[in-house]
Amino acid sequence: MITIYHNPRCSKSRACHNILADAGSDVTVINYKQTPFTIASLEALLKLLKMKPIELVRKNESIWKTEFADKKLSDKAIIKAMIAHPQLIERPIVVKGDNAIIARPPERVLDFI
């Protein structure tokens, strides 16, 4: 089973979703803006990604630049910022079993599945 954490407004996320659909993969789609992460679920996902919270942040987002970029934040504070502002989360995220990737570029998912 494959899960994609998807933002349908993001072209890279849509492209990844289409690649998975074209490959005939059995995919669970989670629009993480409609079904928000909790602290526990985002921590679990970071563990699968083998990433620190700051590595999952989209640092070019205006909210990051204006509210967070100049602050020294703990991992927990970064996670809370991503939960409060889901547009900060890098996407798309694809999970298969005990592994996860950020599918950028979207074609990266082909080697993953």
N, C-alpha and C. Protein backbone atom coordinates (compact mmCIF):
# COMPACT_ATOMS: atom_id res chain seq x y z
N MET A 1 0.84 -1.19 0.00
CA MET A 1 0.00 0.00 0.00
C MET A 1 0.88 1.24 0.00
N ILE A 2 0.48 2.20 -0.80
CA ILE A 2 1.20 3.46 -0.94
C ILE A 2 0.28 4.59 -0.48
N THR A 3 0.86 5.52 0.25
CA THR A 3 0.13 6.71 0.68
C THR A 3 0.85 7.93 0.14
N ILE A 4 0.08 8.87 -0.39
CA ILE A 4 0.65 10.14 -0.82
C ILE A 4 -0.01 11.25 0.00
N TYR A 5 0.85 12.05 0.62
CA TYR A 5 0.38 13.26 1.29
C TYR A 5 0.43 14.33 0.24
N HIS A 6 -0.73 14.80 -0.13
CA HIS A 6 -0.94 15.50 -1.38
C HIS A 6 -1.56 16.88 -1.14
N ASN A 7 -1.09 17.84 -1.90
CA ASN A 7 -1.72 19.16 -1.96
C ASN A 7 -2.16 19.36 -3.41
N PRO A 8 -3.45 19.26 -3.70
CA PRO A 8 -3.91 19.32 -5.09
C PRO A 8 -3.64 20.66 -5.77
N ARG A 9 -3.29 21.69 -5.01
CA ARG A 9 -2.97 22.99 -5.62
C ARG A 9 -1.51 23.06 -6.08
N CYS A 10 -0.72 22.06 -5.73
CA CYS A 10 0.71 22.04 -6.07
C CYS A 10 0.93 21.22 -7.33
N SER A 11 1.57 21.80 -8.32
CA SER A 11 1.78 21.11 -9.60
C SER A 11 2.66 19.87 -9.43
N LYS A 12 3.67 19.92 -8.58
CA LYS A 12 4.53 18.75 -8.36
C LYS A 12 3.75 17.63 -7.67
N SER A 13 2.89 18.00 -6.76
CA SER A 13 2.08 17.02 -6.07
C SER A 13 1.09 16.36 -7.04
N ARG A 14 0.46 17.17 -7.88
CA ARG A 14 -0.46 16.63 -8.89
C ARG A 14 0.28 15.70 -9.85
N ALA A 15 1.47 16.09 -10.27
CA ALA A 15 2.25 15.27 -11.20
C ALA A 15 2.60 13.93 -10.57
N CYS A 16 3.00 13.95 -9.31
CA CYS A 16 3.32 12.70 -8.60
C CYS A 16 2.08 11.81 -8.48
N HIS A 17 0.97 12.41 -8.13
CA HIS A 17 -0.29 11.66 -8.02
C HIS A 17 -0.63 11.00 -9.36
N ASN A 18 -0.46 11.74 -10.45
CA ASN A 18 -0.74 11.19 -11.78
C ASN A 18 0.21 10.04 -12.12
N ILE A 19 1.48 10.17 -11.76
CA ILE A 19 2.44 9.09 -12.02
C ILE A 19 2.02 7.83 -11.27
N LEU A 20 1.62 7.98 -10.02
CA LEU A 20 1.18 6.83 -9.24
C LEU A 20 -0.07 6.21 -9.85
N ALA A 21 -1.00 7.04 -10.28
CA ALA A 21 -2.23 6.53 -10.90
C ALA A 21 -1.92 5.80 -12.20
N ASP A 22 -1.06 6.39 -13.03
CA ASP A 22 -0.69 5.78 -14.31
C ASP A 22 0.04 4.45 -14.11
N ALA A 23 0.77 4.33 -13.00
CA ALA A 23 1.49 3.09 -12.71
C ALA A 23 0.56 2.00 -12.18
N GLY A 24 -0.69 2.37 -11.92
CA GLY A 24 -1.65 1.40 -11.42
C GLY A 24 -1.45 1.05 -9.96
N SER A 25 -0.76 1.91 -9.25
CA SER A 25 -0.50 1.65 -7.83
C SER A 25 -1.78 1.82 -7.01
N ASP A 26 -1.90 0.99 -5.99
CA ASP A 26 -2.99 1.11 -5.03
C ASP A 26 -2.58 2.21 -4.06
N VAL A 27 -3.23 3.37 -4.17
CA VAL A 27 -2.78 4.57 -3.46
C VAL A 27 -3.88 5.12 -2.57
N THR A 28 -3.48 5.45 -1.34
CA THR A 28 -4.33 6.22 -0.44
C THR A 28 -3.87 7.66 -0.55
N VAL A 29 -4.80 8.55 -0.87
CA VAL A 29 -4.47 9.96 -1.03
C VAL A 29 -4.95 10.72 0.20
N ILE A 30 -4.01 11.45 0.81
CA ILE A 30 -4.36 12.27 1.96
C ILE A 30 -4.04 13.72 1.62
N ASN A 31 -5.10 14.51 1.51
CA ASN A 31 -4.92 15.95 1.32
C ASN A 31 -4.63 16.51 2.71
N TYR A 32 -3.36 16.79 2.98
CA TYR A 32 -2.97 17.14 4.34
C TYR A 32 -3.42 18.54 4.76
N LYS A 33 -4.00 19.28 3.82
CA LYS A 33 -4.59 20.56 4.21
C LYS A 33 -6.02 20.34 4.74
N GLN A 34 -6.68 19.30 4.25
CA GLN A 34 -8.02 18.97 4.74
C GLN A 34 -7.97 18.01 5.92
N THR A 35 -6.96 17.17 5.96
CA THR A 35 -6.74 16.23 7.05
C THR A 35 -5.38 16.57 7.65
N PRO A 36 -5.37 17.53 8.56
CA PRO A 36 -4.09 18.04 9.06
C PRO A 36 -3.30 17.02 9.87
N PHE A 37 -2.00 17.22 9.86
CA PHE A 37 -1.12 16.42 10.70
C PHE A 37 -1.33 16.79 12.17
N THR A 38 -1.03 15.84 13.02
CA THR A 38 -0.88 16.10 14.45
C THR A 38 0.62 16.10 14.73
N ILE A 39 0.99 16.51 15.92
CA ILE A 39 2.41 16.46 16.28
C ILE A 39 2.92 15.02 16.14
N ALA A 40 2.17 14.07 16.67
CA ALA A 40 2.60 12.67 16.62
C ALA A 40 2.69 12.15 15.19
N SER A 41 1.71 12.47 14.35
CA SER A 41 1.74 11.95 12.98
C SER A 41 2.87 12.57 12.17
N LEU A 42 3.15 13.85 12.40
CA LEU A 42 4.25 14.50 11.67
C LEU A 42 5.60 13.98 12.18
N GLU A 43 5.71 13.75 13.47
CA GLU A 43 6.95 13.16 14.00
C GLU A 43 7.18 11.77 13.42
N ALA A 44 6.11 10.97 13.32
CA ALA A 44 6.22 9.63 12.75
C ALA A 44 6.64 9.69 11.28
N LEU A 45 6.08 10.63 10.55
CA LEU A 45 6.42 10.79 9.14
C LEU A 45 7.88 11.23 8.99
N LEU A 46 8.32 12.14 9.82
CA LEU A 46 9.72 12.58 9.79
C LEU A 46 10.66 11.40 10.05
N LYS A 47 10.25 10.51 10.93
CA LYS A 47 11.06 9.32 11.22
C LYS A 47 11.17 8.44 9.97
N LEU A 48 10.05 8.25 9.28
CA LEU A 48 10.07 7.46 8.04
C LEU A 48 10.93 8.12 6.96
N LEU A 49 10.87 9.44 6.93
CA LEU A 49 11.66 10.20 5.96
C LEU A 49 13.14 10.26 6.32
N LYS A 50 13.44 9.95 7.61
CA LYS A 50 14.80 10.06 8.13
C LYS A 50 15.31 11.49 7.99
N MET A 51 14.43 12.43 8.39
CA MET A 51 14.73 13.85 8.26
C MET A 51 14.52 14.57 9.58
N LYS A 52 15.21 15.66 9.74
CA LYS A 52 14.95 16.59 10.83
C LYS A 52 13.82 17.51 10.39
N PRO A 53 13.05 18.05 11.32
CA PRO A 53 11.93 18.91 10.94
C PRO A 53 12.31 20.05 10.00
N ILE A 54 13.44 20.69 10.23
CA ILE A 54 13.83 21.83 9.39
C ILE A 54 14.03 21.41 7.93
N GLU A 55 14.37 20.15 7.69
CA GLU A 55 14.58 19.66 6.33
C GLU A 55 13.28 19.51 5.56
N LEU A 56 12.16 19.48 6.26
CA LEU A 56 10.86 19.32 5.62
C LEU A 56 10.18 20.67 5.36
N VAL A 57 10.80 21.74 5.82
CA VAL A 57 10.22 23.07 5.68
C VAL A 57 10.51 23.67 4.31
N ARG A 58 9.46 24.25 3.72
CA ARG A 58 9.61 25.03 2.48
C ARG A 58 10.02 26.44 2.89
N LYS A 59 11.32 26.68 2.87
CA LYS A 59 11.88 27.91 3.41
C LYS A 59 11.62 29.15 2.55
N ASN A 60 11.15 28.96 1.35
CA ASN A 60 10.85 30.11 0.48
C ASN A 60 9.42 30.62 0.65
N GLU A 61 8.63 29.93 1.46
CA GLU A 61 7.26 30.40 1.72
C GLU A 61 7.32 31.71 2.50
N SER A 62 6.46 32.64 2.14
CA SER A 62 6.48 33.96 2.78
C SER A 62 6.23 33.87 4.28
N ILE A 63 5.36 32.97 4.72
CA ILE A 63 5.08 32.84 6.14
C ILE A 63 6.34 32.41 6.90
N TRP A 64 7.15 31.55 6.30
CA TRP A 64 8.40 31.14 6.94
C TRP A 64 9.35 32.34 7.04
N LYS A 65 9.48 33.06 5.94
CA LYS A 65 10.40 34.20 5.92
C LYS A 65 10.00 35.27 6.93
N THR A 66 8.71 35.55 7.04
CA THR A 66 8.27 36.64 7.90
C THR A 66 8.12 36.24 9.37
N GLU A 67 7.76 34.99 9.63
CA GLU A 67 7.44 34.59 11.00
C GLU A 67 8.50 33.74 11.70
N PHE A 68 9.31 33.00 10.93
CA PHE A 68 10.14 31.99 11.56
C PHE A 68 11.62 32.02 11.19
N ALA A 69 11.97 32.49 10.02
CA ALA A 69 13.32 32.34 9.49
C ALA A 69 14.41 32.90 10.40
N ASP A 70 14.14 34.00 11.06
CA ASP A 70 15.16 34.65 11.88
C ASP A 70 15.19 34.17 13.32
N LYS A 71 14.40 33.16 13.63
CA LYS A 71 14.31 32.68 15.01
C LYS A 71 15.05 31.35 15.17
N LYS A 72 15.58 31.15 16.33
CA LYS A 72 16.19 29.86 16.65
C LYS A 72 15.07 28.98 17.24
N LEU A 73 14.65 28.00 16.47
CA LEU A 73 13.49 27.18 16.84
C LEU A 73 13.92 25.75 17.18
N SER A 74 13.28 25.19 18.17
CA SER A 74 13.48 23.77 18.49
C SER A 74 12.77 22.93 17.43
N ASP A 75 13.10 21.65 17.39
CA ASP A 75 12.41 20.74 16.46
C ASP A 75 10.90 20.76 16.71
N LYS A 76 10.50 20.76 17.98
CA LYS A 76 9.08 20.77 18.33
C LYS A 76 8.42 22.05 17.82
N ALA A 77 9.09 23.18 17.94
CA ALA A 77 8.54 24.46 17.47
C ALA A 77 8.40 24.46 15.95
N ILE A 78 9.33 23.86 15.26
CA ILE A 78 9.25 23.77 13.79
C ILE A 78 8.07 22.89 13.40
N ILE A 79 7.90 21.77 14.09
CA ILE A 79 6.76 20.89 13.82
C ILE A 79 5.45 21.63 14.06
N LYS A 80 5.36 22.36 15.15
CA LYS A 80 4.15 23.13 15.44
C LYS A 80 3.90 24.19 14.37
N ALA A 81 4.96 24.81 13.86
CA ALA A 81 4.81 25.79 12.77
C ALA A 81 4.25 25.13 11.52
N MET A 82 4.74 23.93 11.19
CA MET A 82 4.24 23.22 10.01
C MET A 82 2.79 22.80 10.18
N ILE A 83 2.41 22.43 11.38
CA ILE A 83 1.02 22.05 11.63
C ILE A 83 0.12 23.27 11.52
N ALA A 84 0.56 24.39 12.06
CA ALA A 84 -0.24 25.62 12.00
C ALA A 84 -0.29 26.20 10.58
N HIS A 85 0.76 25.95 9.79
CA HIS A 85 0.86 26.49 8.44
C HIS A 85 1.28 25.36 7.49
N PRO A 86 0.34 24.50 7.10
CA PRO A 86 0.70 23.31 6.31
C PRO A 86 1.36 23.63 4.97
N GLN A 87 1.21 24.85 4.48
CA GLN A 87 1.90 25.21 3.23
C GLN A 87 3.42 25.17 3.40
N LEU A 88 3.90 25.13 4.64
CA LEU A 88 5.33 25.05 4.90
C LEU A 88 5.90 23.65 4.67
N ILE A 89 5.03 22.65 4.56
CA ILE A 89 5.48 21.27 4.43
C ILE A 89 5.85 20.97 2.98
N GLU A 90 7.08 20.49 2.81
CA GLU A 90 7.55 20.08 1.49
C GLU A 90 6.65 18.97 0.97
N ARG A 91 6.41 18.95 -0.31
CA ARG A 91 5.49 17.99 -0.89
C ARG A 91 5.89 17.63 -2.31
N PRO A 92 5.33 16.55 -2.80
CA PRO A 92 4.50 15.53 -2.17
C PRO A 92 5.35 14.55 -1.37
N ILE A 93 4.73 13.96 -0.38
CA ILE A 93 5.39 12.94 0.44
C ILE A 93 4.71 11.61 0.12
N VAL A 94 5.52 10.62 -0.19
CA VAL A 94 4.99 9.30 -0.54
C VAL A 94 5.54 8.29 0.46
N VAL A 95 4.64 7.47 1.00
CA VAL A 95 5.00 6.47 1.99
C VAL A 95 4.67 5.09 1.43
N LYS A 96 5.61 4.19 1.59
CA LYS A 96 5.41 2.79 1.22
C LYS A 96 6.04 1.94 2.31
N GLY A 97 5.21 1.25 3.05
CA GLY A 97 5.72 0.44 4.16
C GLY A 97 6.38 1.32 5.21
N ASP A 98 7.62 1.00 5.52
CA ASP A 98 8.37 1.74 6.54
C ASP A 98 9.32 2.76 5.93
N ASN A 99 9.06 3.16 4.69
CA ASN A 99 9.91 4.14 4.02
C ASN A 99 9.06 5.26 3.46
N ALA A 100 9.68 6.42 3.33
CA ALA A 100 8.99 7.57 2.77
C ALA A 100 10.00 8.44 2.02
N ILE A 101 9.49 9.16 1.04
CA ILE A 101 10.32 10.11 0.29
C ILE A 101 9.52 11.38 0.02
N ILE A 102 10.25 12.43 -0.23
CA ILE A 102 9.66 13.62 -0.82
C ILE A 102 9.87 13.43 -2.32
N ALA A 103 8.81 13.34 -3.05
CA ALA A 103 8.88 13.03 -4.48
C ALA A 103 9.12 14.29 -5.30
N ARG A 104 10.30 14.82 -5.18
CA ARG A 104 10.74 15.97 -5.95
C ARG A 104 12.06 15.60 -6.59
N PRO A 105 12.12 15.56 -7.87
CA PRO A 105 11.03 15.74 -8.82
C PRO A 105 10.04 14.58 -8.74
N PRO A 106 8.84 14.78 -9.24
CA PRO A 106 7.80 13.75 -9.12
C PRO A 106 8.22 12.38 -9.68
N GLU A 107 9.05 12.38 -10.70
CA GLU A 107 9.49 11.11 -11.32
C GLU A 107 10.29 10.25 -10.35
N ARG A 108 10.77 10.86 -9.30
CA ARG A 108 11.53 10.12 -8.28
C ARG A 108 10.69 8.97 -7.69
N VAL A 109 9.38 9.14 -7.71
CA VAL A 109 8.50 8.13 -7.14
C VAL A 109 8.57 6.81 -7.92
N LEU A 110 8.94 6.85 -9.19
CA LEU A 110 9.00 5.63 -9.99
C LEU A 110 10.02 4.64 -9.43
N ASP A 111 11.17 5.12 -8.98
CA ASP A 111 12.17 4.25 -8.39
C ASP A 111 11.75 3.79 -7.00
N PHE A 112 10.91 4.56 -6.35
CA PHE A 112 10.48 4.26 -4.99
C PHE A 112 9.43 3.17 -4.96
N ILE A 113 8.51 3.17 -5.93
CA ILE A 113 7.42 2.19 -5.92
C ILE A 113 7.88 0.89 -6.55
